[in-house]
C-alpha atoms as a PDB file:
ATOM      1  CA  UNK A   1      56.444 200.232  83.379  1.00  0.00           C
ATOM      2  CA  UNK A   2      54.899 200.848  79.921  1.00  0.00           C
ATOM      3  CA  UNK A   3      51.592 199.448  79.033  1.00  0.00           C
ATOM      4  CA  UNK A   4      51.584 196.289  76.824  1.00  0.00           C
ATOM      5  CA  UNK A   5      48.737 197.981  74.697  1.00  0.00           C
ATOM      6  CA  UNK A   6      49.502 200.090  71.643  1.00  0.00           C
ATOM      7  CA  UNK A   7      50.409 203.808  72.287  1.00  0.00           C
ATOM      8  CA  UNK A   8      47.534 206.037  71.649  1.00  0.00           C
ATOM      9  CA  UNK A   9      48.919 208.014  68.804  1.00  0.00           C
ATOM     10  CA  UNK A  10      50.059 204.610  67.042  1.00  0.00           C
ATOM     11  CA  UNK A  11      46.459 203.120  67.621  1.00  0.00           C
ATOM     12  CA  UNK A  12      45.011 206.312  66.029  1.00  0.00           C
ATOM     13  CA  UNK A  13      47.415 206.000  62.931  1.00  0.00           C
ATOM     14  CA  UNK A  14      46.506 202.366  62.447  1.00  0.00           C
ATOM     15  CA  UNK A  15      42.713 203.164  62.794  1.00  0.00           C
ATOM     16  CA  UNK A  16      43.273 205.917  60.098  1.00  0.00           C
ATOM     17  CA  UNK A  17      44.739 203.598  57.735  1.00  0.00           C
ATOM     18  CA  UNK A  18      42.114 200.830  58.258  1.00  0.00           C
ATOM     19  CA  UNK A  19      39.311 203.464  57.719  1.00  0.00           C
ATOM     20  CA  UNK A  20      40.651 204.176  54.191  1.00  0.00           C
ATOM     21  CA  UNK A  21      41.251 200.505  53.190  1.00  0.00           C
ATOM     22  CA  UNK A  22      37.655 198.902  54.066  1.00  0.00           C
ATOM     23  CA  UNK A  23      37.308 195.618  53.002  1.00  0.00           C
ATOM     24  CA  UNK A  24      36.487 191.977  53.952  1.00  0.00           C
ATOM     25  CA  UNK A  25      38.780 192.349  57.130  1.00  0.00           C
ATOM     26  CA  UNK A  26      37.340 189.335  58.915  1.00  0.00           C
ATOM     27  CA  UNK A  27      38.010 187.153  55.879  1.00  0.00           C
ATOM     28  CA  UNK A  28      41.571 188.527  55.436  1.00  0.00           C
ATOM     29  CA  UNK A  29      42.071 187.940  59.183  1.00  0.00           C
ATOM     30  CA  UNK A  30      41.175 184.154  58.836  1.00  0.00           C
ATOM     31  CA  UNK A  31      43.482 183.877  55.962  1.00  0.00           C
ATOM     32  CA  UNK A  32      46.355 185.668  57.954  1.00  0.00           C
ATOM     33  CA  UNK A  33      45.712 183.191  60.810  1.00  0.00           C
ATOM     34  CA  UNK A  34      46.075 180.363  58.590  1.00  0.00           C
ATOM     35  CA  UNK A  35      49.173 181.481  56.958  1.00  0.00           C
ATOM     36  CA  UNK A  36      50.920 182.021  60.263  1.00  0.00           C
ATOM     37  CA  UNK A  37      49.679 178.641  61.394  1.00  0.00           C
ATOM     38  CA  UNK A  38      51.582 176.993  58.695  1.00  0.00           C
ATOM     39  CA  UNK A  39      54.621 179.416  59.149  1.00  0.00           C
ATOM     40  CA  UNK A  40      54.229 180.915  55.466  1.00  0.00           C
ATOM     41  CA  UNK A  41      55.849 183.976  54.408  1.00  0.00           C
ATOM     42  CA  UNK A  42      54.586 187.268  55.419  1.00  0.00           C
ATOM     43  CA  UNK A  43      54.965 188.488  51.865  1.00  0.00           C
ATOM     44  CA  UNK A  44      51.294 187.919  50.932  1.00  0.00           C
ATOM     45  CA  UNK A  45      49.496 188.482  54.183  1.00  0.00           C
ATOM     46  CA  UNK A  46      46.826 191.119  54.364  1.00  0.00           C
ATOM     47  CA  UNK A  47      48.340 194.557  55.726  1.00  0.00           C
ATOM     48  CA  UNK A  48      44.823 195.340  57.043  1.00  0.00           C
ATOM     49  CA  UNK A  49      44.484 192.048  58.795  1.00  0.00           C
ATOM     50  CA  UNK A  50      47.981 192.501  60.253  1.00  0.00           C
ATOM     51  CA  UNK A  51      47.516 195.911  61.467  1.00  0.00           C
ATOM     52  CA  UNK A  52      44.138 194.931  63.109  1.00  0.00           C
ATOM     53  CA  UNK A  53      45.297 191.702  65.010  1.00  0.00           C
ATOM     54  CA  UNK A  54      48.998 190.965  64.758  1.00  0.00           C
ATOM     55  CA  UNK A  55      50.418 194.165  65.301  1.00  0.00           C
ATOM     56  CA  UNK A  56      48.689 194.606  68.885  1.00  0.00           C
ATOM     57  CA  UNK A  57      49.491 191.006  69.790  1.00  0.00           C
ATOM     58  CA  UNK A  58      53.191 191.216  68.790  1.00  0.00           C
ATOM     59  CA  UNK A  59      53.649 194.687  70.533  1.00  0.00           C
ATOM     60  CA  UNK A  60      52.299 193.167  73.688  1.00  0.00           C
ATOM     61  CA  UNK A  61      54.500 190.149  73.750  1.00  0.00           C
ATOM     62  CA  UNK A  62      57.588 192.297  72.672  1.00  0.00           C
ATOM     63  CA  UNK A  63      56.903 194.824  75.534  1.00  0.00           C
ATOM     64  CA  UNK A  64      56.659 191.988  77.952  1.00  0.00           C
ATOM     65  CA  UNK A  65      60.038 190.519  76.858  1.00  0.00           C
ATOM     66  CA  UNK A  66      61.541 194.111  77.138  1.00  0.00           C
ATOM     67  CA  UNK A  67      60.002 194.496  80.701  1.00  0.00           C
ATOM     68  CA  UNK A  68      61.788 191.291  81.672  1.00  0.00           C
ATOM     69  CA  UNK A  69      65.207 192.500  80.129  1.00  0.00           C
ATOM     70  CA  UNK A  70      65.157 195.907  81.827  1.00  0.00           C
ATOM     71  CA  UNK A  71      64.737 194.062  85.015  1.00  0.00           C
ATOM     72  CA  UNK A  72      68.024 192.315  84.591  1.00  0.00           C
ATOM     73  CA  UNK A  73      69.634 195.259  82.652  1.00  0.00           C
ATOM     74  CA  UNK A  74      68.544 198.189  84.465  1.00  0.00           C
ATOM     75  CA  UNK A  75      71.681 200.174  83.561  1.00  0.00           C
ATOM     76  CA  UNK A  76      71.698 199.442  79.839  1.00  0.00           C
ATOM     77  CA  UNK A  77      71.061 202.611  77.862  1.00  0.00           C
ATOM     78  CA  UNK A  78      71.414 201.939  74.315  1.00  0.00           C
ATOM     79  CA  UNK A  79      71.705 204.697  71.642  1.00  0.00           C
ATOM     80  CA  UNK A  80      71.352 202.727  68.447  1.00  0.00           C
ATOM     81  CA  UNK A  81      68.864 200.089  67.654  1.00  0.00           C
ATOM     82  CA  UNK A  82      68.534 197.417  65.021  1.00  0.00           C
ATOM     83  CA  UNK A  83      65.111 196.103  64.345  1.00  0.00           C
ATOM     84  CA  UNK A  84      65.418 193.048  62.300  1.00  0.00           C
ATOM     85  CA  UNK A  85      62.511 191.869  60.243  1.00  0.00           C
ATOM     86  CA  UNK A  86      60.751 194.991  61.404  1.00  0.00           C
ATOM     87  CA  UNK A  87      57.341 194.588  59.544  1.00  0.00           C
ATOM     88  CA  UNK A  88      55.376 197.740  60.309  1.00  0.00           C
ATOM     89  CA  UNK A  89      58.014 198.461  63.014  1.00  0.00           C
ATOM     90  CA  UNK A  90      56.442 197.187  66.170  1.00  0.00           C
ATOM     91  CA  UNK A  91      59.584 196.289  67.985  1.00  0.00           C
ATOM     92  CA  UNK A  92      60.880 199.937  67.318  1.00  0.00           C
ATOM     93  CA  UNK A  93      57.792 201.276  68.751  1.00  0.00           C
ATOM     94  CA  UNK A  94      57.999 199.310  71.895  1.00  0.00           C
ATOM     95  CA  UNK A  95      61.951 200.020  72.303  1.00  0.00           C
ATOM     96  CA  UNK A  96      61.552 203.674  72.420  1.00  0.00           C
ATOM     97  CA  UNK A  97      58.973 203.187  75.416  1.00  0.00           C
ATOM     98  CA  UNK A  98      61.663 201.233  77.469  1.00  0.00           C
ATOM     99  CA  UNK A  99      64.930 202.926  76.290  1.00  0.00           C
ATOM    100  CA  UNK A 100      64.341 206.654  75.732  1.00  0.00           C
ATOM    101  CA  UNK A 101      67.978 207.088  74.996  1.00  0.00           C
ATOM    102  CA  UNK A 102      67.738 205.623  71.776  1.00  0.00           C
ATOM    103  CA  UNK A 103      68.625 208.079  69.093  1.00  0.00           C
ATOM    104  CA  UNK A 104      69.352 205.949  65.888  1.00  0.00           C
ATOM    105  CA  UNK A 105      66.899 203.205  64.705  1.00  0.00           C
ATOM    106  CA  UNK A 106      67.325 201.186  61.763  1.00  0.00           C
ATOM    107  CA  UNK A 107      64.490 198.910  60.494  1.00  0.00           C
ATOM    108  CA  UNK A 108      65.605 195.991  58.406  1.00  0.00           C
ATOM    109  CA  UNK A 109      62.706 194.952  56.294  1.00  0.00           C
ATOM    110  CA  UNK A 110      62.870 193.443  52.803  1.00  0.00           C
ATOM    111  CA  UNK A 111      58.956 193.568  51.956  1.00  0.00           C
ATOM    112  CA  UNK A 112      58.483 196.879  50.397  1.00  0.00           C
ATOM    113  CA  UNK A 113      54.720 197.078  51.704  1.00  0.00           C
ATOM    114  CA  UNK A 114      55.723 196.608  55.267  1.00  0.00           C
ATOM    115  CA  UNK A 115      58.787 198.957  54.807  1.00  0.00           C
ATOM    116  CA  UNK A 116      56.520 201.571  53.378  1.00  0.00           C
ATOM    117  CA  UNK A 117      53.980 201.147  56.214  1.00  0.00           C
ATOM    118  CA  UNK A 118      56.737 201.234  58.862  1.00  0.00           C
ATOM    119  CA  UNK A 119      58.034 204.747  57.422  1.00  0.00           C
ATOM    120  CA  UNK A 120      54.205 205.904  57.421  1.00  0.00           C
ATOM    121  CA  UNK A 121      53.525 204.934  60.925  1.00  0.00           C
ATOM    122  CA  UNK A 122      57.016 206.063  62.354  1.00  0.00           C
ATOM    123  CA  UNK A 123      56.261 209.685  60.948  1.00  0.00           C
ATOM    124  CA  UNK A 124      53.242 209.958  63.231  1.00  0.00           C
ATOM    125  CA  UNK A 125      55.280 209.377  66.479  1.00  0.00           C
ATOM    126  CA  UNK A 126      56.261 211.971  68.818  1.00  0.00           C
ATOM    127  CA  UNK A 127      59.755 210.184  69.110  1.00  0.00           C
ATOM    128  CA  UNK A 128      62.204 212.111  66.937  1.00  0.00           C
ATOM    129  CA  UNK A 129      64.242 208.933  66.847  1.00  0.00           C
ATOM    130  CA  UNK A 130      61.257 207.101  65.202  1.00  0.00           C
ATOM    131  CA  UNK A 131      60.548 210.063  62.845  1.00  0.00           C
ATOM    132  CA  UNK A 132      64.133 209.869  61.642  1.00  0.00           C
ATOM    133  CA  UNK A 133      64.021 206.153  61.365  1.00  0.00           C
ATOM    134  CA  UNK A 134      66.275 204.561  58.559  1.00  0.00           C
ATOM    135  CA  UNK A 135      64.765 201.613  56.503  1.00  0.00           C
ATOM    136  CA  UNK A 136      67.128 199.124  55.092  1.00  0.00           C
ATOM    137  CA  UNK A 137      65.707 196.785  52.550  1.00  0.00           C
ATOM    138  CA  UNK A 138      67.967 193.834  52.926  1.00  0.00           C
ATOM    139  CA  UNK A 139      67.885 190.013  53.949  1.00  0.00           C
ATOM    140  CA  UNK A 140      68.638 189.242  57.387  1.00  0.00           C
ATOM    141  CA  UNK A 141      71.792 187.251  56.694  1.00  0.00           C
ATOM    142  CA  UNK A 142      73.214 190.410  54.853  1.00  0.00           C
ATOM    143  CA  UNK A 143      72.561 192.921  57.864  1.00  0.00           C
ATOM    144  CA  UNK A 144      75.832 194.915  58.126  1.00  0.00           C
ATOM    145  CA  UNK A 145      74.913 197.691  60.206  1.00  0.00           C
ATOM    146  CA  UNK A 146      75.921 197.646  64.055  1.00  0.00           C
ATOM    147  CA  UNK A 147      73.944 198.590  66.993  1.00  0.00           C
ATOM    148  CA  UNK A 148      74.005 198.390  70.619  1.00  0.00           C
ATOM    149  CA  UNK A 149      70.376 196.798  70.911  1.00  0.00           C
ATOM    150  CA  UNK A 150      69.510 194.418  68.226  1.00  0.00           C
ATOM    151  CA  UNK A 151      66.012 192.721  68.163  1.00  0.00           C
ATOM    152  CA  UNK A 152      64.647 190.064  65.806  1.00  0.00           C
ATOM    153  CA  UNK A 153      61.077 189.361  66.720  1.00  0.00           C
ATOM    154  CA  UNK A 154      58.779 186.941  64.956  1.00  0.00           C
ATOM    155  CA  UNK A 155      61.098 186.760  61.881  1.00  0.00           C
ATOM    156  CA  UNK A 156      62.439 183.200  62.052  1.00  0.00           C
ATOM    157  CA  UNK A 157      59.234 181.384  61.510  1.00  0.00           C
ATOM    158  CA  UNK A 158      60.221 180.433  57.750  1.00  0.00           C
ATOM    159  CA  UNK A 159      63.541 178.941  58.750  1.00  0.00           C
ATOM    160  CA  UNK A 160      64.732 175.614  60.287  1.00  0.00           C
ATOM    161  CA  UNK A 161      66.144 175.287  63.777  1.00  0.00           C
ATOM    162  CA  UNK A 162      69.726 175.150  62.130  1.00  0.00           C
ATOM    163  CA  UNK A 163      69.205 178.457  60.052  1.00  0.00           C
ATOM    164  CA  UNK A 164      67.775 180.137  63.165  1.00  0.00           C
ATOM    165  CA  UNK A 165      71.089 179.220  64.727  1.00  0.00           C
ATOM    166  CA  UNK A 166      73.160 180.560  61.879  1.00  0.00           C
ATOM    167  CA  UNK A 167      71.194 183.780  61.844  1.00  0.00           C
ATOM    168  CA  UNK A 168      71.346 184.232  65.608  1.00  0.00           C
ATOM    169  CA  UNK A 169      75.216 183.983  65.320  1.00  0.00           C
ATOM    170  CA  UNK A 170      75.027 186.687  62.491  1.00  0.00           C
ATOM    171  CA  UNK A 171      72.992 189.172  64.474  1.00  0.00           C
ATOM    172  CA  UNK A 172      75.320 188.538  67.307  1.00  0.00           C
ATOM    173  CA  UNK A 173      78.207 189.826  65.112  1.00  0.00           C
ATOM    174  CA  UNK A 174      76.503 193.047  64.688  1.00  0.00           C
ATOM    175  CA  UNK A 175      75.348 193.431  68.181  1.00  0.00           C
ATOM    176  CA  UNK A 176      77.474 195.665  70.384  1.00  0.00           C
ATOM    177  CA  UNK A 177      75.450 195.329  73.474  1.00  0.00           C
ATOM    178  CA  UNK A 178      72.085 193.222  73.895  1.00  0.00           C
ATOM    179  CA  UNK A 179      70.621 190.722  71.499  1.00  0.00           C
ATOM    180  CA  UNK A 180      66.817 189.689  71.858  1.00  0.00           C
ATOM    181  CA  UNK A 181      64.994 187.116  69.776  1.00  0.00           C
ATOM    182  CA  UNK A 182      61.419 186.531  69.912  1.00  0.00           C
ATOM    183  CA  UNK A 183      59.326 183.743  68.606  1.00  0.00           C
ATOM    184  CA  UNK A 184      55.756 182.500  68.804  1.00  0.00           C
ATOM    185  CA  UNK A 185      55.328 180.524  71.973  1.00  0.00           C
ATOM    186  CA  UNK A 186      54.806 177.196  70.246  1.00  0.00           C
ATOM    187  CA  UNK A 187      56.976 174.034  70.212  1.00  0.00           C
ATOM    188  CA  UNK A 188      58.291 175.030  66.964  1.00  0.00           C
ATOM    189  CA  UNK A 189      58.983 178.599  67.942  1.00  0.00           C
ATOM    190  CA  UNK A 190      60.776 177.379  71.048  1.00  0.00           C
ATOM    191  CA  UNK A 191      62.728 174.949  69.136  1.00  0.00           C
ATOM    192  CA  UNK A 192      64.030 177.733  67.116  1.00  0.00           C
ATOM    193  CA  UNK A 193      64.704 179.806  70.226  1.00  0.00           C
ATOM    194  CA  UNK A 194      66.544 176.901  71.981  1.00  0.00           C
ATOM    195  CA  UNK A 195      68.858 176.549  68.896  1.00  0.00           C
ATOM    196  CA  UNK A 196      69.575 180.088  68.847  1.00  0.00           C
ATOM    197  CA  UNK A 197      70.468 180.200  72.522  1.00  0.00           C
ATOM    198  CA  UNK A 198      72.832 177.187  72.121  1.00  0.00           C
ATOM    199  CA  UNK A 199      74.511 178.991  69.256  1.00  0.00           C
ATOM    200  CA  UNK A 200      74.953 182.154  71.058  1.00  0.00           C
ATOM    201  CA  UNK A 201      76.189 180.770  74.293  1.00  0.00           C
ATOM    202  CA  UNK A 202      78.607 178.780  72.150  1.00  0.00           C
ATOM    203  CA  UNK A 203      79.839 182.216  70.512  1.00  0.00           C
ATOM    204  CA  UNK A 204      80.550 183.671  73.908  1.00  0.00           C
ATOM    205  CA  UNK A 205      77.350 185.713  74.697  1.00  0.00           C
ATOM    206  CA  UNK A 206      76.279 186.194  78.188  1.00  0.00           C
ATOM    207  CA  UNK A 207      72.958 185.266  79.516  1.00  0.00           C
ATOM    208  CA  UNK A 208      70.016 187.983  80.034  1.00  0.00           C
ATOM    209  CA  UNK A 209      67.137 185.856  80.154  1.00  0.00           C
ATOM    210  CA  UNK A 210      64.645 184.241  80.419  1.00  0.00           C
ATOM    211  CA  UNK A 211      67.107 181.585  81.688  1.00  0.00           C
ATOM    212  CA  UNK A 212      68.534 182.160  85.243  1.00  0.00           C
ATOM    213  CA  UNK A 213      71.793 180.114  84.062  1.00  0.00           C
ATOM    214  CA  UNK A 214      73.846 179.581  80.818  1.00  0.00           C
ATOM    215  CA  UNK A 215      73.700 175.734  81.195  1.00  0.00           C
ATOM    216  CA  UNK A 216      72.182 173.445  78.753  1.00  0.00           C
ATOM    217  CA  UNK A 217      68.412 174.243  78.382  1.00  0.00           C
ATOM    218  CA  UNK A 218      66.896 171.507  80.797  1.00  0.00           C
ATOM    219  CA  UNK A 219      63.459 171.600  79.025  1.00  0.00           C
ATOM    220  CA  UNK A 220      62.986 168.165  77.431  1.00  0.00           C
ATOM    221  CA  UNK A 221      60.256 165.962  76.048  1.00  0.00           C
ATOM    222  CA  UNK A 222      56.859 167.609  74.965  1.00  0.00           C
ATOM    223  CA  UNK A 223      57.276 170.572  77.286  1.00  0.00           C
ATOM    224  CA  UNK A 224      58.467 173.778  75.720  1.00  0.00           C
ATOM    225  CA  UNK A 225      59.628 177.163  77.449  1.00  0.00           C
ATOM    226  CA  UNK A 226      57.002 179.825  76.626  1.00  0.00           C
ATOM    227  CA  UNK A 227      55.047 182.715  78.301  1.00  0.00           C
ATOM    228  CA  UNK A 228      51.950 184.764  77.906  1.00  0.00           C
ATOM    229  CA  UNK A 229      50.907 188.159  78.043  1.00  0.00           C
ATOM    230  CA  UNK A 230      47.371 189.606  77.776  1.00  0.00           C
ATOM    231  CA  UNK A 231      46.142 192.584  75.655  1.00  0.00           C
ATOM    232  CA  UNK A 232      42.928 194.450  75.435  1.00  0.00           C
ATOM    233  CA  UNK A 233      41.340 193.937  72.098  1.00  0.00           C
ATOM    234  CA  UNK A 234      40.232 197.286  70.224  1.00  0.00           C
ATOM    235  CA  UNK A 235      36.788 197.456  68.554  1.00  0.00           C
ATOM    236  CA  UNK A 236      38.272 196.874  65.120  1.00  0.00           C
ATOM    237  CA  UNK A 237      40.481 193.805  66.640  1.00  0.00           C
ATOM    238  CA  UNK A 238      37.380 192.372  67.904  1.00  0.00           C
ATOM    239  CA  UNK A 239      35.392 192.662  64.638  1.00  0.00           C
ATOM    240  CA  UNK A 240      38.288 191.211  62.564  1.00  0.00           C
ATOM    241  CA  UNK A 241      38.264 188.033  64.679  1.00  0.00           C
ATOM    242  CA  UNK A 242      34.464 187.972  65.546  1.00  0.00           C
ATOM    243  CA  UNK A 243      35.486 187.901  68.892  1.00  0.00           C
ATOM    244  CA  UNK A 244      33.237 188.300  71.910  1.00  0.00           C
ATOM    245  CA  UNK A 245      35.911 188.481  74.772  1.00  0.00           C
ATOM    246  CA  UNK A 246      37.528 191.896  75.014  1.00  0.00           C
ATOM    247  CA  UNK A 247      41.149 190.477  75.519  1.00  0.00           C
ATOM    248  CA  UNK A 248      43.209 187.884  74.231  1.00  0.00           C
ATOM    249  CA  UNK A 249      46.645 186.295  75.402  1.00  0.00           C
ATOM    250  CA  UNK A 250      49.557 186.232  73.146  1.00  0.00           C
ATOM    251  CA  UNK A 251      51.975 183.221  73.656  1.00  0.00           C
ATOM    252  CA  UNK A 252      55.758 183.732  72.994  1.00  0.00           C
ATOM    253  CA  UNK A 253      59.201 182.381  73.395  1.00  0.00           C
ATOM    254  CA  UNK A 254      62.431 184.357  73.731  1.00  0.00           C
ATOM    255  CA  UNK A 255      66.115 184.537  74.401  1.00  0.00           C
ATOM    256  CA  UNK A 256      68.265 187.775  75.388  1.00  0.00           C
ATOM    257  CA  UNK A 257      72.023 187.740  75.604  1.00  0.00           C
ATOM    258  CA  UNK A 258      74.564 190.687  76.374  1.00  0.00           C
ATOM    259  CA  UNK A 259      78.213 191.274  75.729  1.00  0.00           C
ATOM    260  CA  UNK A 260      78.256 192.450  79.462  1.00  0.00           C
ATOM    261  CA  UNK A 261      77.499 190.121  82.613  1.00  0.00           C
ATOM    262  CA  UNK A 262      74.298 190.658  84.653  1.00  0.00           C
ATOM    263  CA  UNK A 263      73.302 189.199  87.923  1.00  0.00           C
ATOM    264  CA  UNK A 264      70.702 186.880  86.985  1.00  0.00           C
ATOM    265  CA  UNK A 265      67.536 186.011  89.092  1.00  0.00           C
ATOM    266  CA  UNK A 266      67.874 182.663  91.190  1.00  0.00           C
ATOM    267  CA  UNK A 267      64.898 181.201  89.247  1.00  0.00           C
ATOM    268  CA  UNK A 268      62.362 182.064  86.699  1.00  0.00           C
ATOM    269  CA  UNK A 269      58.450 181.120  86.850  1.00  0.00           C
ATOM    270  CA  UNK A 270      57.839 179.179  83.636  1.00  0.00           C
ATOM    271  CA  UNK A 271      54.018 178.183  84.203  1.00  0.00           C
ATOM    272  CA  UNK A 272      51.034 179.998  85.668  1.00  0.00           C
ATOM    273  CA  UNK A 273      51.232 179.975  89.420  1.00  0.00           C
ATOM    274  CA  UNK A 274      48.719 177.758  91.068  1.00  0.00           C
ATOM    275  CA  UNK A 275      47.416 178.940  94.424  1.00  0.00           C
ATOM    276  CA  UNK A 276      45.179 177.519  97.193  1.00  0.00           C
ATOM    277  CA  UNK A 277      44.745 177.704 100.926  1.00  0.00           C
ATOM    278  CA  UNK A 278      47.731 175.477 101.297  1.00  0.00           C
ATOM    279  CA  UNK A 279      50.089 177.653  99.482  1.00  0.00           C
ATOM    280  CA  UNK A 280      51.245 178.578  95.931  1.00  0.00           C
ATOM    281  CA  UNK A 281      52.910 176.070  93.486  1.00  0.00           C
ATOM    282  CA  UNK A 282      55.566 177.526  91.397  1.00  0.00           C
ATOM    283  CA  UNK A 283      57.137 175.594  88.307  1.00  0.00           C
ATOM    284  CA  UNK A 284      60.588 177.084  88.167  1.00  0.00           C
ATOM    285  CA  UNK A 285      63.737 176.999  85.918  1.00  0.00           C
ATOM    286  CA  UNK A 286      66.475 177.363  88.499  1.00  0.00           C
ATOM    287  CA  UNK A 287      70.174 176.982  88.457  1.00  0.00           C
ATOM    288  CA  UNK A 288      69.946 173.227  89.121  1.00  0.00           C
ATOM    289  CA  UNK A 289      67.216 172.520  86.432  1.00  0.00           C
ATOM    290  CA  UNK A 290      63.328 172.476  86.388  1.00  0.00           C
ATOM    291  CA  UNK A 291      61.760 172.467  89.746  1.00  0.00           C
ATOM    292  CA  UNK A 292      58.273 172.720  91.422  1.00  0.00           C
ATOM    293  CA  UNK A 293      58.157 174.687  94.697  1.00  0.00           C
ATOM    294  CA  UNK A 294      55.277 174.997  97.004  1.00  0.00           C
ATOM    295  CA  UNK A 295      55.263 178.181  98.928  1.00  0.00           C
ATOM    296  CA  UNK A 296      53.419 177.343 102.029  1.00  0.00           C
ATOM    297  CA  UNK A 297      50.726 179.794 103.331  1.00  0.00           C
ATOM    298  CA  UNK A 298      52.247 179.480 106.939  1.00  0.00           C
ATOM    299  CA  UNK A 299      55.375 181.078 105.386  1.00  0.00           C
ATOM    300  CA  UNK A 300      53.495 184.504 105.405  1.00  0.00           C
ATOM    301  CA  UNK A 301      55.978 186.845 103.875  1.00  0.00           C
ATOM    302  CA  UNK A 302      57.035 184.229 100.885  1.00  0.00           C
ATOM    303  CA  UNK A 303      53.315 183.327 100.481  1.00  0.00           C
ATOM    304  CA  UNK A 304      52.183 186.958 100.149  1.00  0.00           C
ATOM    305  CA  UNK A 305      54.929 187.689  97.478  1.00  0.00           C
ATOM    306  CA  UNK A 306      54.204 184.418  95.619  1.00  0.00           C
ATOM    307  CA  UNK A 307      50.389 185.617  95.145  1.00  0.00           C
ATOM    308  CA  UNK A 308      51.636 188.795  93.384  1.00  0.00           C
ATOM    309  CA  UNK A 309      53.902 186.941  91.029  1.00  0.00           C
ATOM    310  CA  UNK A 310      52.991 186.040  87.392  1.00  0.00           C
ATOM    311  CA  UNK A 311      54.014 183.608  84.628  1.00  0.00           C
ATOM    312  CA  UNK A 312      57.557 184.808  83.576  1.00  0.00           C
ATOM    313  CA  UNK A 313      58.534 186.711  86.545  1.00  0.00           C
ATOM    314  CA  UNK A 314      61.796 186.012  88.467  1.00  0.00           C
ATOM    315  CA  UNK A 315      61.802 184.175  91.894  1.00  0.00           C
ATOM    316  CA  UNK A 316      64.184 185.030  94.397  1.00  0.00           C
ATOM    317  CA  UNK A 317      62.563 183.305  97.502  1.00  0.00           C
ATOM    318  CA  UNK A 318      63.947 179.853  98.191  1.00  0.00           C
END
């Protein structure tokens, strides 16, 4: 499956832009992190800081989500794509890696700075569908174009759970195949995902993931459903964050639904597997709710399989 790090030609394009916009990148990155921490609008964030730090992180998270969706929908071959709240086009760049059948891409982005940046970056792609991208500068709730694949990644942060549910229903109306919504892997981000999930299922959408069922979400209390993916930091990324570790983990929550029924896994691993000599402990979301299963080391085939599993993977051994 495709790497969760940026494609090389996108990396080259980003580094070329950053090289021509030298400035206090570290300070701007700190301001960006503070803004996102309080769910502020992206309209005033530093483009340079976003390109250096958030673009690689969101690309990694979106790619991991697409990977999990493809596992459940291997025959889905969309030709049209709506990238909602596209920013610099992150989801579009990831989508063409996973669905090479895409021929028509529309990025919906109201912020003129990000819209122009998305157009500039898309022009550097080797994918014709990206080179021919259409940019629609409209609000999320005014999207009228239809597409087989619709993705809204990291765009609901400024909205309440009720508004996230309303926007999800609107996006479902313009979706002809699969709708994917990705949010930060925080309690607040998951709250918006859970609200969107409930609204979509009520509207007749069919579950793709991460849930292995369409029942009411069993996650309660202070826990929240989220996952993590690891990405390698570039030199510029490390400089911007004053980092010493050459990688970082991006946390995310998501929901994916379809107009076509798909075979769902028996369970989904919703926490890092914990292994020792006795066996592997898996926290699972299953058809009966949340469960903790010990895969005993004496059950060699299942134990061997469990050691290869990651947070977010499906689990069929019962």
